[in-house]
PDB file of N, CA and C in Angstrom:
ATOM      1  N   UNK A   1       0.843  -1.184   0.000  1.00  0.00           N
ATOM      2  CA  UNK A   1       0.000   0.000   0.000  1.00  0.00           C
ATOM      3  C   UNK A   1       0.885   1.242   0.000  1.00  0.00           C
ATOM      4  N   UNK A   2       0.478   2.223  -0.788  1.00  0.00           N
ATOM      5  CA  UNK A   2       1.244   3.461  -0.892  1.00  0.00           C
ATOM      6  C   UNK A   2       0.910   4.373   0.280  1.00  0.00           C
ATOM      7  N   UNK A   3       1.936   4.930   0.889  1.00  0.00           N
ATOM      8  CA  UNK A   3       1.724   5.869   1.991  1.00  0.00           C
ATOM      9  C   UNK A   3       1.263   7.208   1.425  1.00  0.00           C
ATOM     10  N   UNK A   4       0.344   7.833   2.118  1.00  0.00           N
ATOM     11  CA  UNK A   4      -0.153   9.140   1.689  1.00  0.00           C
ATOM     12  C   UNK A   4       0.683  10.245   2.319  1.00  0.00           C
ATOM     13  N   UNK A   5       0.878  11.305   1.570  1.00  0.00           N
ATOM     14  CA  UNK A   5       1.685  12.411   2.088  1.00  0.00           C
ATOM     15  C   UNK A   5       0.923  13.160   3.184  1.00  0.00           C
ATOM     16  N   UNK A   6       1.655  13.818   4.038  1.00  0.00           N
ATOM     17  CA  UNK A   6       1.055  14.598   5.121  1.00  0.00           C
ATOM     18  C   UNK A   6       0.167  15.699   4.549  1.00  0.00           C
ATOM     19  N   UNK A   7       0.601  16.296   3.447  1.00  0.00           N
ATOM     20  CA  UNK A   7      -0.172  17.377   2.832  1.00  0.00           C
ATOM     21  C   UNK A   7      -1.534  16.874   2.346  1.00  0.00           C
ATOM     22  N   UNK A   8      -1.522  15.708   1.692  1.00  0.00           N
ATOM     23  CA  UNK A   8      -2.773  15.144   1.199  1.00  0.00           C
ATOM     24  C   UNK A   8      -3.704  14.822   2.363  1.00  0.00           C
ATOM     25  N   UNK A   9      -3.182  14.210   3.404  1.00  0.00           N
ATOM     26  CA  UNK A   9      -4.010  13.868   4.562  1.00  0.00           C
ATOM     27  C   UNK A   9      -4.591  15.116   5.219  1.00  0.00           C
ATOM     28  N   UNK A  10      -3.784  16.162   5.334  1.00  0.00           N
ATOM     29  CA  UNK A  10      -4.259  17.419   5.906  1.00  0.00           C
ATOM     30  C   UNK A  10      -5.411  17.976   5.081  1.00  0.00           C
ATOM     31  N   UNK A  11      -5.224  18.036   3.771  1.00  0.00           N
ATOM     32  CA  UNK A  11      -6.253  18.572   2.892  1.00  0.00           C
ATOM     33  C   UNK A  11      -7.503  17.695   2.911  1.00  0.00           C
ATOM     34  N   UNK A  12      -7.343  16.383   2.841  1.00  0.00           N
ATOM     35  CA  UNK A  12      -8.477  15.459   2.852  1.00  0.00           C
ATOM     36  C   UNK A  12      -9.295  15.634   4.125  1.00  0.00           C
ATOM     37  N   UNK A  13      -8.616  15.704   5.256  1.00  0.00           N
ATOM     38  CA  UNK A  13      -9.322  15.854   6.528  1.00  0.00           C
ATOM     39  C   UNK A  13     -10.021  17.213   6.626  1.00  0.00           C
ATOM     40  N   UNK A  14      -9.403  18.252   6.110  1.00  0.00           N
ATOM     41  CA  UNK A  14     -10.033  19.578   6.116  1.00  0.00           C
ATOM     42  C   UNK A  14     -11.290  19.580   5.255  1.00  0.00           C
ATOM     43  N   UNK A  15     -11.228  18.957   4.089  1.00  0.00           N
ATOM     44  CA  UNK A  15     -12.395  18.880   3.206  1.00  0.00           C
ATOM     45  C   UNK A  15     -13.501  18.060   3.866  1.00  0.00           C
ATOM     46  N   UNK A  16     -13.141  16.947   4.455  1.00  0.00           N
ATOM     47  CA  UNK A  16     -14.123  16.093   5.129  1.00  0.00           C
ATOM     48  C   UNK A  16     -14.791  16.834   6.284  1.00  0.00           C
ATOM     49  N   UNK A  17     -14.010  17.536   7.085  1.00  0.00           N
ATOM     50  CA  UNK A  17     -14.572  18.299   8.207  1.00  0.00           C
ATOM     51  C   UNK A  17     -15.492  19.401   7.705  1.00  0.00           C
ATOM     52  N   UNK A  18     -15.093  20.057   6.624  1.00  0.00           N
ATOM     53  CA  UNK A  18     -15.901  21.136   6.069  1.00  0.00           C
ATOM     54  C   UNK A  18     -17.209  20.610   5.507  1.00  0.00           C
ATOM     55  N   UNK A  19     -17.169  19.483   4.820  1.00  0.00           N
ATOM     56  CA  UNK A  19     -18.398  18.874   4.305  1.00  0.00           C
ATOM     57  C   UNK A  19     -19.356  18.540   5.446  1.00  0.00           C
ATOM     58  N   UNK A  20     -18.836  18.031   6.523  1.00  0.00           N
ATOM     59  CA  UNK A  20     -19.660  17.688   7.686  1.00  0.00           C
ATOM     60  C   UNK A  20     -20.280  18.954   8.286  1.00  0.00           C
ATOM     61  N   UNK A  21     -19.481  20.002   8.430  1.00  0.00           N
ATOM     62  CA  UNK A  21     -19.978  21.257   8.993  1.00  0.00           C
ATOM     63  C   UNK A  21     -21.055  21.867   8.092  1.00  0.00           C
ATOM     64  N   UNK A  22     -20.839  21.843   6.780  1.00  0.00           N
ATOM     65  CA  UNK A  22     -21.832  22.379   5.855  1.00  0.00           C
ATOM     66  C   UNK A  22     -23.130  21.588   5.908  1.00  0.00           C
ATOM     67  N   UNK A  23     -23.033  20.292   6.049  1.00  0.00           N
ATOM     68  CA  UNK A  23     -24.228  19.460   6.167  1.00  0.00           C
ATOM     69  C   UNK A  23     -25.014  19.812   7.425  1.00  0.00           C
ATOM     70  N   UNK A  24     -24.305  20.032   8.525  1.00  0.00           N
ATOM     71  CA  UNK A  24     -24.974  20.421   9.770  1.00  0.00           C
ATOM     72  C   UNK A  24     -25.620  21.796   9.632  1.00  0.00           C
ATOM     73  N   UNK A  25     -24.940  22.730   8.972  1.00  0.00           N
ATOM     74  CA  UNK A  25     -25.515  24.051   8.737  1.00  0.00           C
ATOM     75  C   UNK A  25     -26.751  23.984   7.849  1.00  0.00           C
ATOM     76  N   UNK A  26     -26.692  23.128   6.845  1.00  0.00           N
ATOM     77  CA  UNK A  26     -27.842  22.948   5.959  1.00  0.00           C
ATOM     78  C   UNK A  26     -29.043  22.459   6.744  1.00  0.00           C
ATOM     79  N   UNK A  27     -28.828  21.478   7.605  1.00  0.00           N
ATOM     80  CA  UNK A  27     -29.916  20.951   8.420  1.00  0.00           C
ATOM     81  C   UNK A  27     -30.464  22.023   9.357  1.00  0.00           C
ATOM     82  N   UNK A  28     -29.582  22.840   9.930  1.00  0.00           N
ATOM     83  CA  UNK A  28     -30.020  23.916  10.819  1.00  0.00           C
ATOM     84  C   UNK A  28     -30.862  24.938  10.051  1.00  0.00           C
ATOM     85  N   UNK A  29     -30.442  25.281   8.833  1.00  0.00           N
ATOM     86  CA  UNK A  29     -31.200  26.228   8.020  1.00  0.00           C
ATOM     87  C   UNK A  29     -32.557  25.659   7.617  1.00  0.00           C
ATOM     88  N   UNK A  30     -32.585  24.388   7.250  1.00  0.00           N
ATOM     89  CA  UNK A  30     -33.860  23.759   6.893  1.00  0.00           C
ATOM     90  C   UNK A  30     -34.800  23.724   8.091  1.00  0.00           C
ATOM     91  N   UNK A  31     -34.273  23.452   9.264  1.00  0.00           N
ATOM     92  CA  UNK A  31     -35.084  23.442  10.475  1.00  0.00           C
ATOM     93  C   UNK A  31     -35.640  24.836  10.763  1.00  0.00           C
ATOM     94  N   UNK A  32     -34.804  25.859  10.617  1.00  0.00           N
ATOM     95  CA  UNK A  32     -35.260  27.230  10.831  1.00  0.00           C
ATOM     96  C   UNK A  32     -36.333  27.604   9.808  1.00  0.00           C
ATOM     97  N   UNK A  33     -36.164  27.158   8.581  1.00  0.00           N
ATOM     98  CA  UNK A  33     -37.168  27.435   7.550  1.00  0.00           C
ATOM     99  C   UNK A  33     -38.496  26.779   7.909  1.00  0.00           C
ATOM    100  N   UNK A  34     -38.454  25.523   8.349  1.00  0.00           N
ATOM    101  CA  UNK A  34     -39.677  24.828   8.750  1.00  0.00           C
ATOM    102  C   UNK A  34     -40.374  25.563   9.898  1.00  0.00           C
ATOM    103  N   UNK A  35     -39.585  25.967  10.883  1.00  0.00           N
ATOM    104  CA  UNK A  35     -40.160  26.678  12.020  1.00  0.00           C
ATOM    105  C   UNK A  35     -40.771  28.006  11.598  1.00  0.00           C
ATOM    106  N   UNK A  36     -40.085  28.731  10.720  1.00  0.00           N
ATOM    107  CA  UNK A  36     -40.603  30.014  10.243  1.00  0.00           C
ATOM    108  C   UNK A  36     -41.911  29.818   9.470  1.00  0.00           C
ATOM    109  N   UNK A  37     -41.964  28.774   8.656  1.00  0.00           N
ATOM    110  CA  UNK A  37     -43.188  28.499   7.903  1.00  0.00           C
ATOM    111  C   UNK A  37     -44.336  28.149   8.842  1.00  0.00           C
ATOM    112  N   UNK A  38     -44.052  27.367   9.882  1.00  0.00           N
ATOM    113  CA  UNK A  38     -45.088  27.028  10.851  1.00  0.00           C
ATOM    114  C   UNK A  38     -45.601  28.274  11.563  1.00  0.00           C
ATOM    115  N   UNK A  39     -44.685  29.150  11.979  1.00  0.00           N
ATOM    116  CA  UNK A  39     -45.094  30.395  12.630  1.00  0.00           C
ATOM    117  C   UNK A  39     -45.922  31.264  11.684  1.00  0.00           C
ATOM    118  N   UNK A  40     -45.505  31.333  10.438  1.00  0.00           N
ATOM    119  CA  UNK A  40     -46.213  32.114   9.427  1.00  0.00           C
ATOM    120  C   UNK A  40     -47.639  31.598   9.273  1.00  0.00           C
ATOM    121  N   UNK A  41     -47.791  30.285   9.185  1.00  0.00           N
ATOM    122  CA  UNK A  41     -49.120  29.708   9.016  1.00  0.00           C
ATOM    123  C   UNK A  41     -49.970  29.891  10.274  1.00  0.00           C
ATOM    124  N   UNK A  42     -49.358  29.816  11.437  1.00  0.00           N
ATOM    125  CA  UNK A  42     -50.087  30.036  12.688  1.00  0.00           C
ATOM    126  C   UNK A  42     -50.639  31.463  12.759  1.00  0.00           C
ATOM    127  N   UNK A  43     -49.936  32.398  12.148  1.00  0.00           N
ATOM    128  CA  UNK A  43     -50.353  33.798  12.159  1.00  0.00           C
ATOM    129  C   UNK A  43     -51.367  34.106  11.058  1.00  0.00           C
ATOM    130  N   UNK A  44     -51.814  33.122  10.352  1.00  0.00           N
ATOM    131  CA  UNK A  44     -52.819  33.333   9.321  1.00  0.00           C
ATOM    132  C   UNK A  44     -52.277  33.309   7.909  1.00  0.00           C
ATOM    133  N   UNK A  45     -50.990  33.122   7.756  1.00  0.00           N
ATOM    134  CA  UNK A  45     -50.414  32.974   6.436  1.00  0.00           C
ATOM    135  C   UNK A  45     -50.248  34.250   5.650  1.00  0.00           C
ATOM    136  N   UNK A  46     -50.253  35.410   6.306  1.00  0.00           N
ATOM    137  CA  UNK A  46     -50.000  36.654   5.594  1.00  0.00           C
ATOM    138  C   UNK A  46     -49.214  37.595   6.512  1.00  0.00           C
ATOM    139  N   UNK A  47     -48.448  38.494   5.942  1.00  0.00           N
ATOM    140  CA  UNK A  47     -47.640  39.412   6.745  1.00  0.00           C
ATOM    141  C   UNK A  47     -48.528  40.261   7.647  1.00  0.00           C
ATOM    142  N   UNK A  48     -48.080  40.604   8.853  1.00  0.00           N
ATOM    143  CA  UNK A  48     -48.906  41.362   9.787  1.00  0.00           C
ATOM    144  C   UNK A  48     -49.194  42.792   9.336  1.00  0.00           C
ATOM    145  N   UNK A  49     -48.384  43.377   8.464  1.00  0.00           N
ATOM    146  CA  UNK A  49     -48.560  44.774   8.058  1.00  0.00           C
ATOM    147  C   UNK A  49     -49.101  44.904   6.643  1.00  0.00           C
ATOM    148  N   UNK A  50     -49.895  43.977   6.201  1.00  0.00           N
ATOM    149  CA  UNK A  50     -50.455  44.082   4.862  1.00  0.00           C
ATOM    150  C   UNK A  50     -49.780  43.128   3.898  1.00  0.00           C
ATOM    151  N   UNK A  51     -50.020  43.348   2.630  1.00  0.00           N
ATOM    152  CA  UNK A  51     -49.458  42.435   1.616  1.00  0.00           C
ATOM    153  C   UNK A  51     -47.939  42.497   1.537  1.00  0.00           C
ATOM    154  N   UNK A  52     -47.369  41.459   0.981  1.00  0.00           N
ATOM    155  CA  UNK A  52     -45.919  41.412   0.795  1.00  0.00           C
ATOM    156  C   UNK A  52     -45.501  42.477  -0.220  1.00  0.00           C
ATOM    157  N   UNK A  53     -44.386  43.161   0.031  1.00  0.00           N
ATOM    158  CA  UNK A  53     -43.909  44.121  -0.960  1.00  0.00           C
ATOM    159  C   UNK A  53     -43.412  43.400  -2.213  1.00  0.00           C
ATOM    160  N   UNK A  54     -43.520  44.069  -3.336  1.00  0.00           N
ATOM    161  CA  UNK A  54     -43.040  43.479  -4.592  1.00  0.00           C
ATOM    162  C   UNK A  54     -41.525  43.358  -4.533  1.00  0.00           C
ATOM    163  N   UNK A  55     -40.971  42.278  -5.113  1.00  0.00           N
ATOM    164  CA  UNK A  55     -39.508  42.112  -5.095  1.00  0.00           C
ATOM    165  C   UNK A  55     -38.796  43.118  -5.959  1.00  0.00           C
TER     166      UNK A  55
END
């Protein structure tokens, strides 16, 4: 088996850690979106100050 260089291992581990962190952030954002949608629907499904402004 070929030994891997220290540089490759460092980079591989950094990429792996970053992918894991991004996945956790994605899940946190999706959870926040779900909660916001639930709150929105509980409030009647429309903004409290009238219609949504045009984008």
